[in-house]
PDB file of all heavy atoms in Angstrom:
ATOM      1  N   LEU A   1       9.810  -8.981   4.541  1.00  0.00           N
ATOM      2  CA  LEU A   1       8.459  -8.617   4.970  1.00  0.00           C
ATOM      3  C   LEU A   1       8.343  -7.112   5.163  1.00  0.00           C
ATOM      4  O   LEU A   1       7.324  -6.507   4.785  1.00  0.00           O
ATOM      5  CB  LEU A   1       8.131  -9.357   6.274  1.00  0.00           C
ATOM      6  CG  LEU A   1       6.705  -9.191   6.803  1.00  0.00           C
ATOM      7  CD1 LEU A   1       5.680  -9.757   5.833  1.00  0.00           C
ATOM      8  CD2 LEU A   1       6.566  -9.864   8.174  1.00  0.00           C
ATOM      9  N   LEU A   2       9.370  -6.494   5.760  1.00  0.00           N
ATOM     10  CA  LEU A   2       9.355  -5.046   5.970  1.00  0.00           C
ATOM     11  C   LEU A   2       9.807  -4.361   4.687  1.00  0.00           C
ATOM     12  O   LEU A   2      10.979  -4.067   4.469  1.00  0.00           O
ATOM     13  CB  LEU A   2      10.254  -4.660   7.149  1.00  0.00           C
ATOM     14  CG  LEU A   2       9.877  -5.258   8.498  1.00  0.00           C
ATOM     15  CD1 LEU A   2      10.685  -4.607   9.614  1.00  0.00           C
ATOM     16  CD2 LEU A   2       8.389  -5.137   8.773  1.00  0.00           C
ATOM     17  N   SER A   3       8.838  -4.154   3.835  1.00  0.00           N
ATOM     18  CA  SER A   3       9.072  -3.586   2.508  1.00  0.00           C
ATOM     19  C   SER A   3       7.751  -3.049   1.997  1.00  0.00           C
ATOM     20  O   SER A   3       6.682  -3.435   2.485  1.00  0.00           O
ATOM     21  CB  SER A   3       9.615  -4.668   1.562  1.00  0.00           C
ATOM     22  OG  SER A   3       9.570  -4.229   0.219  1.00  0.00           O
ATOM     23  N   LEU A   4       7.805  -2.153   1.025  1.00  0.00           N
ATOM     24  CA  LEU A   4       6.577  -1.683   0.389  1.00  0.00           C
ATOM     25  C   LEU A   4       6.101  -2.631  -0.704  1.00  0.00           C
ATOM     26  O   LEU A   4       5.060  -2.420  -1.320  1.00  0.00           O
ATOM     27  CB  LEU A   4       6.775  -0.278  -0.180  1.00  0.00           C
ATOM     28  CG  LEU A   4       7.083   0.806   0.852  1.00  0.00           C
ATOM     29  CD1 LEU A   4       7.169   2.170   0.185  1.00  0.00           C
ATOM     30  CD2 LEU A   4       6.029   0.828   1.968  1.00  0.00           C
ATOM     31  N   SER A   5       6.880  -3.683  -0.948  1.00  0.00           N
ATOM     32  CA  SER A   5       6.483  -4.706  -1.915  1.00  0.00           C
ATOM     33  C   SER A   5       5.953  -5.933  -1.178  1.00  0.00           C
ATOM     34  O   SER A   5       6.387  -6.242  -0.062  1.00  0.00           O
ATOM     35  CB  SER A   5       7.673  -5.106  -2.791  1.00  0.00           C
ATOM     36  OG  SER A   5       8.084  -4.026  -3.599  1.00  0.00           O
ATOM     37  N   TYR A   6       5.040  -6.599  -1.810  1.00  0.00           N
ATOM     38  CA  TYR A   6       4.484  -7.834  -1.250  1.00  0.00           C
ATOM     39  C   TYR A   6       3.975  -8.682  -2.406  1.00  0.00           C
ATOM     40  O   TYR A   6       3.990  -8.259  -3.569  1.00  0.00           O
ATOM     41  CB  TYR A   6       3.362  -7.531  -0.257  1.00  0.00           C
ATOM     42  CG  TYR A   6       2.071  -7.028  -0.860  1.00  0.00           C
ATOM     43  CD1 TYR A   6       0.911  -7.797  -0.794  1.00  0.00           C
ATOM     44  CD2 TYR A   6       1.987  -5.790  -1.499  1.00  0.00           C
ATOM     45  CE1 TYR A   6      -0.286  -7.348  -1.344  1.00  0.00           C
ATOM     46  CE2 TYR A   6       0.806  -5.328  -2.042  1.00  0.00           C
ATOM     47  CZ  TYR A   6      -0.337  -6.113  -1.966  1.00  0.00           C
ATOM     48  OH  TYR A   6      -1.504  -5.660  -2.513  1.00  0.00           O
ATOM     49  N   SER A   7       3.540  -9.891  -2.110  1.00  0.00           N
ATOM     50  CA  SER A   7       3.009 -10.756  -3.163  1.00  0.00           C
ATOM     51  C   SER A   7       1.574 -10.353  -3.476  1.00  0.00           C
ATOM     52  O   SER A   7       0.726 -10.319  -2.575  1.00  0.00           O
ATOM     53  CB  SER A   7       3.030 -12.217  -2.712  1.00  0.00           C
ATOM     54  OG  SER A   7       4.351 -12.684  -2.590  1.00  0.00           O
ATOM     55  N   SER A   8       1.292 -10.045  -4.723  1.00  0.00           N
ATOM     56  CA  SER A   8      -0.067  -9.716  -5.119  1.00  0.00           C
ATOM     57  C   SER A   8      -0.971 -10.900  -4.809  1.00  0.00           C
ATOM     58  O   SER A   8      -0.689 -12.030  -5.223  1.00  0.00           O
ATOM     59  CB  SER A   8      -0.128  -9.409  -6.612  1.00  0.00           C
ATOM     60  OG  SER A   8      -1.478  -9.341  -7.050  1.00  0.00           O
ATOM     61  N   PRO A   9      -2.064 -10.710  -4.073  1.00  0.00           N
ATOM     62  CA  PRO A   9      -2.914 -11.847  -3.713  1.00  0.00           C
ATOM     63  C   PRO A   9      -3.447 -12.624  -4.910  1.00  0.00           C
ATOM     64  O   PRO A   9      -3.577 -13.848  -4.834  1.00  0.00           O
ATOM     65  CB  PRO A   9      -4.052 -11.188  -2.926  1.00  0.00           C
ATOM     66  CG  PRO A   9      -3.441  -9.953  -2.356  1.00  0.00           C
ATOM     67  CD  PRO A   9      -2.490  -9.470  -3.405  1.00  0.00           C
ATOM     68  N   GLN A  10      -3.747 -11.936  -6.011  1.00  0.00           N
ATOM     69  CA  GLN A  10      -4.334 -12.614  -7.165  1.00  0.00           C
ATOM     70  C   GLN A  10      -3.286 -13.307  -8.040  1.00  0.00           C
ATOM     71  O   GLN A  10      -3.496 -14.430  -8.493  1.00  0.00           O
ATOM     72  CB  GLN A  10      -5.138 -11.632  -8.023  1.00  0.00           C
ATOM     73  CG  GLN A  10      -6.465 -11.204  -7.415  1.00  0.00           C
ATOM     74  CD  GLN A  10      -6.292 -10.120  -6.375  1.00  0.00           C
ATOM     75  OE1 GLN A  10      -5.569  -9.156  -6.572  1.00  0.00           O
ATOM     76  NE2 GLN A  10      -6.955 -10.278  -5.238  1.00  0.00           N
ATOM     77  N   THR A  11      -2.143 -12.665  -8.270  1.00  0.00           N
ATOM     78  CA  THR A  11      -1.148 -13.210  -9.201  1.00  0.00           C
ATOM     79  C   THR A  11       0.059 -13.818  -8.502  1.00  0.00           C
ATOM     80  O   THR A  11       0.803 -14.591  -9.124  1.00  0.00           O
ATOM     81  CB  THR A  11      -0.648 -12.102 -10.135  1.00  0.00           C
ATOM     82  OG1 THR A  11       0.122 -11.146  -9.375  1.00  0.00           O
ATOM     83  CG2 THR A  11      -1.808 -11.389 -10.817  1.00  0.00           C
ATOM     84  N   LEU A  12       0.291 -13.447  -7.223  1.00  0.00           N
ATOM     85  CA  LEU A  12       1.450 -13.844  -6.429  1.00  0.00           C
ATOM     86  C   LEU A  12       2.763 -13.284  -6.982  1.00  0.00           C
ATOM     87  O   LEU A  12       3.844 -13.647  -6.528  1.00  0.00           O
ATOM     88  CB  LEU A  12       1.531 -15.373  -6.296  1.00  0.00           C
ATOM     89  CG  LEU A  12       0.323 -16.015  -5.603  1.00  0.00           C
ATOM     90  CD1 LEU A  12       0.502 -17.524  -5.495  1.00  0.00           C
ATOM     91  CD2 LEU A  12       0.095 -15.402  -4.226  1.00  0.00           C
ATOM     92  N   GLU A  13       2.663 -12.375  -7.951  1.00  0.00           N
ATOM     93  CA  GLU A  13       3.836 -11.658  -8.434  1.00  0.00           C
ATOM     94  C   GLU A  13       4.137 -10.488  -7.495  1.00  0.00           C
ATOM     95  O   GLU A  13       3.246  -9.959  -6.829  1.00  0.00           O
ATOM     96  CB  GLU A  13       3.582 -11.128  -9.850  1.00  0.00           C
ATOM     97  CG  GLU A  13       3.397 -12.218 -10.890  1.00  0.00           C
ATOM     98  CD  GLU A  13       4.657 -13.046 -11.073  1.00  0.00           C
ATOM     99  OE1 GLU A  13       5.758 -12.456 -11.046  1.00  0.00           O
ATOM    100  OE2 GLU A  13       4.535 -14.274 -11.207  1.00  0.00           O
ATOM    101  N   PRO A  14       5.403 -10.059  -7.412  1.00  0.00           N
ATOM    102  CA  PRO A  14       5.729  -8.909  -6.560  1.00  0.00           C
ATOM    103  C   PRO A  14       4.928  -7.678  -6.968  1.00  0.00           C
ATOM    104  O   PRO A  14       4.776  -7.379  -8.156  1.00  0.00           O
ATOM    105  CB  PRO A  14       7.225  -8.702  -6.799  1.00  0.00           C
ATOM    106  CG  PRO A  14       7.726 -10.043  -7.228  1.00  0.00           C
ATOM    107  CD  PRO A  14       6.612 -10.650  -8.026  1.00  0.00           C
ATOM    108  N   ARG A  15       4.404  -7.000  -5.983  1.00  0.00           N
ATOM    109  CA  ARG A  15       3.614  -5.790  -6.222  1.00  0.00           C
ATOM    110  C   ARG A  15       4.038  -4.743  -5.212  1.00  0.00           C
ATOM    111  O   ARG A  15       4.192  -5.045  -4.029  1.00  0.00           O
ATOM    112  CB  ARG A  15       2.119  -6.078  -6.071  1.00  0.00           C
ATOM    113  CG  ARG A  15       1.236  -4.862  -6.311  1.00  0.00           C
ATOM    114  CD  ARG A  15      -0.199  -5.142  -5.917  1.00  0.00           C
ATOM    115  NE  ARG A  15      -1.064  -4.020  -6.208  1.00  0.00           N
ATOM    116  CZ  ARG A  15      -2.302  -3.885  -5.727  1.00  0.00           C
ATOM    117  NH1 ARG A  15      -2.795  -4.798  -4.927  1.00  0.00           N
ATOM    118  NH2 ARG A  15      -3.031  -2.831  -6.043  1.00  0.00           N
ATOM    119  N   SER A  16       4.222  -3.517  -5.664  1.00  0.00           N
ATOM    120  CA  SER A  16       4.628  -2.430  -4.783  1.00  0.00           C
ATOM    121  C   SER A  16       3.477  -1.446  -4.614  1.00  0.00           C
ATOM    122  O   SER A  16       2.846  -1.040  -5.597  1.00  0.00           O
ATOM    123  CB  SER A  16       5.859  -1.707  -5.346  1.00  0.00           C
ATOM    124  OG  SER A  16       6.290  -0.700  -4.450  1.00  0.00           O
ATOM    125  N   VAL A  17       3.195  -1.101  -3.368  1.00  0.00           N
ATOM    126  CA  VAL A  17       2.159  -0.114  -3.050  1.00  0.00           C
ATOM    127  C   VAL A  17       2.836   1.034  -2.319  1.00  0.00           C
ATOM    128  O   VAL A  17       3.588   0.803  -1.354  1.00  0.00           O
ATOM    129  CB  VAL A  17       1.051  -0.732  -2.184  1.00  0.00           C
ATOM    130  CG1 VAL A  17       0.067   0.335  -1.709  1.00  0.00           C
ATOM    131  CG2 VAL A  17       0.309  -1.809  -2.958  1.00  0.00           C
ATOM    132  N   PRO A  18       2.626   2.267  -2.736  1.00  0.00           N
ATOM    133  CA  PRO A  18       3.330   3.395  -2.111  1.00  0.00           C
ATOM    134  C   PRO A  18       2.843   3.675  -0.699  1.00  0.00           C
ATOM    135  O   PRO A  18       1.707   3.366  -0.341  1.00  0.00           O
ATOM    136  CB  PRO A  18       3.020   4.564  -3.052  1.00  0.00           C
ATOM    137  CG  PRO A  18       1.749   4.187  -3.739  1.00  0.00           C
ATOM    138  CD  PRO A  18       1.780   2.700  -3.875  1.00  0.00           C
ATOM    139  N   PHE A  19       3.724   4.268   0.088  1.00  0.00           N
ATOM    140  CA  PHE A  19       3.361   4.766   1.406  1.00  0.00           C
ATOM    141  C   PHE A  19       3.791   6.218   1.497  1.00  0.00           C
ATOM    142  O   PHE A  19       4.979   6.533   1.426  1.00  0.00           O
ATOM    143  CB  PHE A  19       4.037   3.961   2.517  1.00  0.00           C
ATOM    144  CG  PHE A  19       3.732   4.509   3.898  1.00  0.00           C
ATOM    145  CD1 PHE A  19       2.511   4.265   4.498  1.00  0.00           C
ATOM    146  CD2 PHE A  19       4.666   5.281   4.586  1.00  0.00           C
ATOM    147  CE1 PHE A  19       2.219   4.771   5.762  1.00  0.00           C
ATOM    148  CE2 PHE A  19       4.390   5.787   5.843  1.00  0.00           C
ATOM    149  CZ  PHE A  19       3.162   5.529   6.428  1.00  0.00           C
ATOM    150  N   ASP A  20       2.810   7.104   1.626  1.00  0.00           N
ATOM    151  CA  ASP A  20       3.082   8.533   1.733  1.00  0.00           C
ATOM    152  C   ASP A  20       1.987   9.152   2.589  1.00  0.00           C
ATOM    153  O   ASP A  20       0.869   9.394   2.113  1.00  0.00           O
ATOM    154  CB  ASP A  20       3.118   9.191   0.352  1.00  0.00           C
ATOM    155  CG  ASP A  20       3.491  10.676   0.423  1.00  0.00           C
ATOM    156  OD1 ASP A  20       3.544  11.225   1.539  1.00  0.00           O
ATOM    157  OD2 ASP A  20       3.700  11.284  -0.648  1.00  0.00           O
ATOM    158  N   PRO A  21       2.237   9.381   3.878  1.00  0.00           N
ATOM    159  CA  PRO A  21       1.194   9.899   4.762  1.00  0.00           C
ATOM    160  C   PRO A  21       0.839  11.360   4.513  1.00  0.00           C
ATOM    161  O   PRO A  21      -0.012  11.904   5.217  1.00  0.00           O
ATOM    162  CB  PRO A  21       1.798   9.717   6.158  1.00  0.00           C
ATOM    163  CG  PRO A  21       3.268   9.725   5.939  1.00  0.00           C
ATOM    164  CD  PRO A  21       3.489   9.099   4.595  1.00  0.00           C
ATOM    165  N   THR A  22       1.465  11.994   3.507  1.00  0.00           N
ATOM    166  CA  THR A  22       1.084  13.371   3.152  1.00  0.00           C
ATOM    167  C   THR A  22       0.196  13.406   1.919  1.00  0.00           C
ATOM    168  O   THR A  22      -0.218  14.483   1.496  1.00  0.00           O
ATOM    169  CB  THR A  22       2.344  14.216   2.870  1.00  0.00           C
ATOM    170  OG1 THR A  22       2.990  13.737   1.675  1.00  0.00           O
ATOM    171  CG2 THR A  22       3.320  14.153   4.033  1.00  0.00           C
ATOM    172  N   SER A  23      -0.110  12.246   1.347  1.00  0.00           N
ATOM    173  CA  SER A  23      -0.837  12.190   0.088  1.00  0.00           C
ATOM    174  C   SER A  23      -2.185  11.498   0.259  1.00  0.00           C
ATOM    175  O   SER A  23      -2.322  10.547   1.042  1.00  0.00           O
ATOM    176  CB  SER A  23      -0.007  11.438  -0.960  1.00  0.00           C
ATOM    177  OG  SER A  23      -0.760  11.198  -2.123  1.00  0.00           O
ATOM    178  N   ASN A  24      -3.172  11.954  -0.498  1.00  0.00           N
ATOM    179  CA  ASN A  24      -4.482  11.306  -0.537  1.00  0.00           C
ATOM    180  C   ASN A  24      -4.577  10.295  -1.663  1.00  0.00           C
ATOM    181  O   ASN A  24      -5.646   9.703  -1.875  1.00  0.00           O
ATOM    182  CB  ASN A  24      -5.591  12.343  -0.711  1.00  0.00           C
ATOM    183  CG  ASN A  24      -5.953  12.997   0.615  1.00  0.00           C
ATOM    184  OD1 ASN A  24      -6.033  12.333   1.650  1.00  0.00           O
ATOM    185  ND2 ASN A  24      -6.168  14.302   0.587  1.00  0.00           N
ATOM    186  N   ALA A  25      -3.491  10.084  -2.376  1.00  0.00           N
ATOM    187  CA  ALA A  25      -3.513   9.137  -3.486  1.00  0.00           C
ATOM    188  C   ALA A  25      -3.575   7.708  -2.946  1.00  0.00           C
ATOM    189  O   ALA A  25      -3.401   7.438  -1.757  1.00  0.00           O
ATOM    190  CB  ALA A  25      -2.268   9.324  -4.348  1.00  0.00           C
ATOM    191  N   PHE A  26      -3.811   6.767  -3.859  1.00  0.00           N
ATOM    192  CA  PHE A  26      -3.849   5.356  -3.492  1.00  0.00           C
ATOM    193  C   PHE A  26      -2.533   4.948  -2.832  1.00  0.00           C
ATOM    194  O   PHE A  26      -1.451   5.290  -3.300  1.00  0.00           O
ATOM    195  CB  PHE A  26      -4.085   4.497  -4.730  1.00  0.00           C
ATOM    196  CG  PHE A  26      -3.867   3.021  -4.497  1.00  0.00           C
ATOM    197  CD1 PHE A  26      -4.835   2.259  -3.869  1.00  0.00           C
ATOM    198  CD2 PHE A  26      -2.677   2.407  -4.882  1.00  0.00           C
ATOM    199  CE1 PHE A  26      -4.638   0.911  -3.644  1.00  0.00           C
ATOM    200  CE2 PHE A  26      -2.476   1.063  -4.663  1.00  0.00           C
ATOM    201  CZ  PHE A  26      -3.457   0.311  -4.039  1.00  0.00           C
ATOM    202  N   GLY A  27      -2.626   4.209  -1.745  1.00  0.00           N
ATOM    203  CA  GLY A  27      -1.438   3.720  -1.052  1.00  0.00           C
ATOM    204  C   GLY A  27      -1.819   3.154   0.291  1.00  0.00           C
ATOM    205  O   GLY A  27      -2.990   3.148   0.687  1.00  0.00           O
ATOM    206  N   TRP A  28      -0.809   2.667   1.014  1.00  0.00           N
ATOM    207  CA  TRP A  28      -1.095   2.071   2.318  1.00  0.00           C
ATOM    208  C   TRP A  28      -1.702   3.073   3.281  1.00  0.00           C
ATOM    209  O   TRP A  28      -2.533   2.715   4.124  1.00  0.00           O
ATOM    210  CB  TRP A  28       0.190   1.490   2.923  1.00  0.00           C
ATOM    211  CG  TRP A  28       0.736   0.302   2.209  1.00  0.00           C
ATOM    212  CD1 TRP A  28       1.973   0.159   1.656  1.00  0.00           C
ATOM    213  CD2 TRP A  28       0.063  -0.948   1.961  1.00  0.00           C
ATOM    214  NE1 TRP A  28       2.115  -1.077   1.082  1.00  0.00           N
ATOM    215  CE2 TRP A  28       0.954  -1.781   1.249  1.00  0.00           C
ATOM    216  CE3 TRP A  28      -1.205  -1.434   2.263  1.00  0.00           C
ATOM    217  CZ2 TRP A  28       0.614  -3.070   0.848  1.00  0.00           C
ATOM    218  CZ3 TRP A  28      -1.551  -2.716   1.863  1.00  0.00           C
ATOM    219  CH2 TRP A  28      -0.643  -3.524   1.168  1.00  0.00           C
ATOM    220  N   TRP A  29      -1.320   4.333   3.191  1.00  0.00           N
ATOM    221  CA  TRP A  29      -1.823   5.324   4.150  1.00  0.00           C
ATOM    222  C   TRP A  29      -3.336   5.490   4.043  1.00  0.00           C
ATOM    223  O   TRP A  29      -4.041   5.560   5.058  1.00  0.00           O
ATOM    224  CB  TRP A  29      -1.126   6.663   3.941  1.00  0.00           C
ATOM    225  CG  TRP A  29      -1.612   7.721   4.881  1.00  0.00           C
ATOM    226  CD1 TRP A  29      -2.428   8.778   4.606  1.00  0.00           C
ATOM    227  CD2 TRP A  29      -1.322   7.811   6.281  1.00  0.00           C
ATOM    228  NE1 TRP A  29      -2.671   9.512   5.729  1.00  0.00           N
ATOM    229  CE2 TRP A  29      -1.994   8.942   6.777  1.00  0.00           C
ATOM    230  CE3 TRP A  29      -0.558   7.044   7.160  1.00  0.00           C
ATOM    231  CZ2 TRP A  29      -1.931   9.325   8.122  1.00  0.00           C
ATOM    232  CZ3 TRP A  29      -0.488   7.427   8.497  1.00  0.00           C
ATOM    233  CH2 TRP A  29      -1.171   8.555   8.954  1.00  0.00           C
ATOM    234  N   THR A  30      -3.862   5.563   2.843  1.00  0.00           N
ATOM    235  CA  THR A  30      -5.295   5.805   2.672  1.00  0.00           C
ATOM    236  C   THR A  30      -6.116   4.520   2.667  1.00  0.00           C
ATOM    237  O   THR A  30      -7.341   4.578   2.703  1.00  0.00           O
ATOM    238  CB  THR A  30      -5.557   6.573   1.366  1.00  0.00           C
ATOM    239  OG1 THR A  30      -4.991   5.837   0.262  1.00  0.00           O
ATOM    240  CG2 THR A  30      -4.959   7.956   1.413  1.00  0.00           C
ATOM    241  N   TYR A  31      -5.456   3.363   2.641  1.00  0.00           N
ATOM    242  CA  TYR A  31      -6.177   2.102   2.494  1.00  0.00           C
ATOM    243  C   TYR A  31      -7.180   1.893   3.630  1.00  0.00           C
ATOM    244  O   TYR A  31      -8.363   1.641   3.402  1.00  0.00           O
ATOM    245  CB  TYR A  31      -5.169   0.951   2.446  1.00  0.00           C
ATOM    246  CG  TYR A  31      -5.795  -0.404   2.234  1.00  0.00           C
ATOM    247  CD1 TYR A  31      -6.688  -0.626   1.189  1.00  0.00           C
ATOM    248  CD2 TYR A  31      -5.483  -1.470   3.069  1.00  0.00           C
ATOM    249  CE1 TYR A  31      -7.252  -1.875   0.982  1.00  0.00           C
ATOM    250  CE2 TYR A  31      -6.037  -2.720   2.867  1.00  0.00           C
ATOM    251  CZ  TYR A  31      -6.924  -2.920   1.831  1.00  0.00           C
ATOM    252  OH  TYR A  31      -7.477  -4.153   1.641  1.00  0.00           O
ATOM    253  N   ARG A  32      -6.719   1.992   4.877  1.00  0.00           N
ATOM    254  CA  ARG A  32      -7.617   1.835   6.024  1.00  0.00           C
ATOM    255  C   ARG A  32      -7.575   3.078   6.925  1.00  0.00           C
ATOM    256  O   ARG A  32      -7.652   2.969   8.158  1.00  0.00           O
ATOM    257  CB  ARG A  32      -7.237   0.588   6.837  1.00  0.00           C
ATOM    258  CG  ARG A  32      -7.457  -0.723   6.097  1.00  0.00           C
ATOM    259  CD  ARG A  32      -7.197  -1.920   7.003  1.00  0.00           C
ATOM    260  NE  ARG A  32      -7.221  -3.174   6.292  1.00  0.00           N
ATOM    261  CZ  ARG A  32      -8.308  -3.922   6.079  1.00  0.00           C
ATOM    262  NH1 ARG A  32      -9.477  -3.500   6.516  1.00  0.00           N
ATOM    263  NH2 ARG A  32      -8.231  -5.071   5.432  1.00  0.00           N
ATOM    264  N   ARG A  33      -7.466   4.240   6.323  1.00  0.00           N
ATOM    265  CA  ARG A  33      -7.451   5.465   7.123  1.00  0.00           C
ATOM    266  C   ARG A  33      -8.794   5.644   7.833  1.00  0.00           C
ATOM    267  O   ARG A  33      -9.865   5.509   7.235  1.00  0.00           O
ATOM    268  CB  ARG A  33      -7.167   6.672   6.226  1.00  0.00           C
ATOM    269  CG  ARG A  33      -7.000   7.981   6.994  1.00  0.00           C
ATOM    270  CD  ARG A  33      -6.552   9.107   6.078  1.00  0.00           C
ATOM    271  NE  ARG A  33      -7.457   9.260   4.943  1.00  0.00           N
ATOM    272  CZ  ARG A  33      -7.222  10.051   3.892  1.00  0.00           C
ATOM    273  NH1 ARG A  33      -6.088  10.731   3.827  1.00  0.00           N
ATOM    274  NH2 ARG A  33      -8.095  10.138   2.919  1.00  0.00           N
ATOM    275  N   VAL A  34      -8.765   5.946   9.121  1.00  0.00           N
ATOM    276  CA  VAL A  34      -9.985   6.047   9.913  1.00  0.00           C
ATOM    277  C   VAL A  34     -10.312   7.482  10.322  1.00  0.00           C
ATOM    278  O   VAL A  34     -11.440   7.758  10.755  1.00  0.00           O
ATOM    279  CB  VAL A  34      -9.898   5.152  11.166  1.00  0.00           C
ATOM    280  CG1 VAL A  34      -9.752   3.694  10.773  1.00  0.00           C
ATOM    281  CG2 VAL A  34      -8.763   5.576  12.095  1.00  0.00           C
ATOM    282  N   ILE A  35      -9.362   8.386  10.217  1.00  0.00           N
ATOM    283  CA  ILE A  35      -9.613   9.809  10.464  1.00  0.00           C
ATOM    284  C   ILE A  35      -8.955  10.605   9.354  1.00  0.00           C
ATOM    285  O   ILE A  35      -7.739  10.532   9.169  1.00  0.00           O
ATOM    286  CB  ILE A  35      -9.063  10.264  11.831  1.00  0.00           C
ATOM    287  CG1 ILE A  35      -9.813   9.580  12.969  1.00  0.00           C
ATOM    288  CG2 ILE A  35      -9.157  11.786  11.969  1.00  0.00           C
ATOM    289  CD1 ILE A  35      -9.274   9.917  14.357  1.00  0.00           C
ATOM    290  N   ASP A  36      -9.759  11.350   8.605  1.00  0.00           N
ATOM    291  CA  ASP A  36      -9.265  12.230   7.545  1.00  0.00           C
ATOM    292  C   ASP A  36      -9.495  13.676   7.983  1.00  0.00           C
ATOM    293  O   ASP A  36     -10.648  14.104   8.129  1.00  0.00           O
ATOM    294  CB  ASP A  36     -10.013  11.944   6.234  1.00  0.00           C
ATOM    295  CG  ASP A  36      -9.524  12.819   5.089  1.00  0.00           C
ATOM    296  OD1 ASP A  36      -8.640  13.672   5.311  1.00  0.00           O
ATOM    297  OD2 ASP A  36     -10.038  12.653   3.958  1.00  0.00           O
TER     298      ASP A  36
END
């Protein structure tokens, strides 16, 4: 569970989403960011 990979909701295949709190690119950090 503690991983950057998870089951894709649509395909249930492993999917990796990056985490980089210094980047504005797509990833967990910007997904629900509330203060930019």
